């Protein structure tokens, strides 16, 4: 886990080693398979609401987990998101309800359903026809949105939790703009407009990186959420029927391990920053179905590239030093993104973008 020395008390409870400088998580090997049947209870205890399998209204504005038609196959993530948000919340991200959830103590609407920002009228989101979502980056405690029109990083807010508060290692965004996040040992659903996060499930180990991969790769009909272990493992995190199931799909070739993050964009490919050879992090293309390295594109010339995302023909890398780089997708070489206006003194932990950032 990328550690913050001011959070030693919590990290000791999580049994992870810390240093003054953020570093790659030191975790146990990811098991080949893992199933947490307690997920449903944990999610239900955390928030008010039940299941609503296949009901697009259960997640408010937009279907979950990349189901193209918003039909029954949304049960992969819609049901889980429904458990993580208040079913009584209005379909709006602008204001919480006046009441309070009896189980959590948080106001109704604390986690308003994520909104794709593509309203089709009557409060219902239309199926997006172009690039979806925005590029997000984050520290361990704060979420930022990169406004690519004026190349400025804007603070969304500090991460807030209804349960199991912690630093966020990485985020991932599905095709409909729903954001997920991982901490040292937990999975969350987060509102990308407010940075409010709802606990979904306990995880067996910590993940360096998190990304969705497009439908037609790990799953034929839906997007799949993938976690990258510190040991280079590539793991499918499936949310279904009140249960989280993790299956190891493969791994990077030894000695390569992720340096922090990856992205998968339809029509562009799946890429990750890796380390293990050479003097710096490298950019690599990854087979999304197995985690096998298709090719090592090349060394970036920089270390600690914890966040990685793509937008409008450009790879962006966010470093633990607070610098932001663009990476040449043909060579891997990093160039300081001097045009991006970013806050000073931040330590970037990760980044995320929709699999549909290229449209289609």
Foldseek 3Di string as FASTA:
>chain_A
DQDDVVCVVVVVVVVWDYDNGTFQTDKDDDDQKDKDLCLLVQLQLLFPAAFDAQQCPLLQAGQPQAQQVSGRVSQFPSRLVSSQAHSPFDSDLPDFDPDATPRQRHTHPLPHRAHFPQCPDPRYHDRDFWATDFKWFDFQFWIWTQDPVQQEIDTLGTAAESDDDGGWQEWEAAQSGWIWTDGQFFIWTAHNNRNYTGTRDGHPGGFQEKYWAAAVAQHPRGIWIWGFHQQFWIWTFTHHDSMTMIHTQAGEPPPKGFRGYWYAAPPPAIWGWIDHDDDEIWIFGARNRRSYTPGTQEGAPHHAQREWDDADHWIWTAHQQRWIWIADPNRRHTDTPVSRHYDPPGGINYMYGYNCNRGD
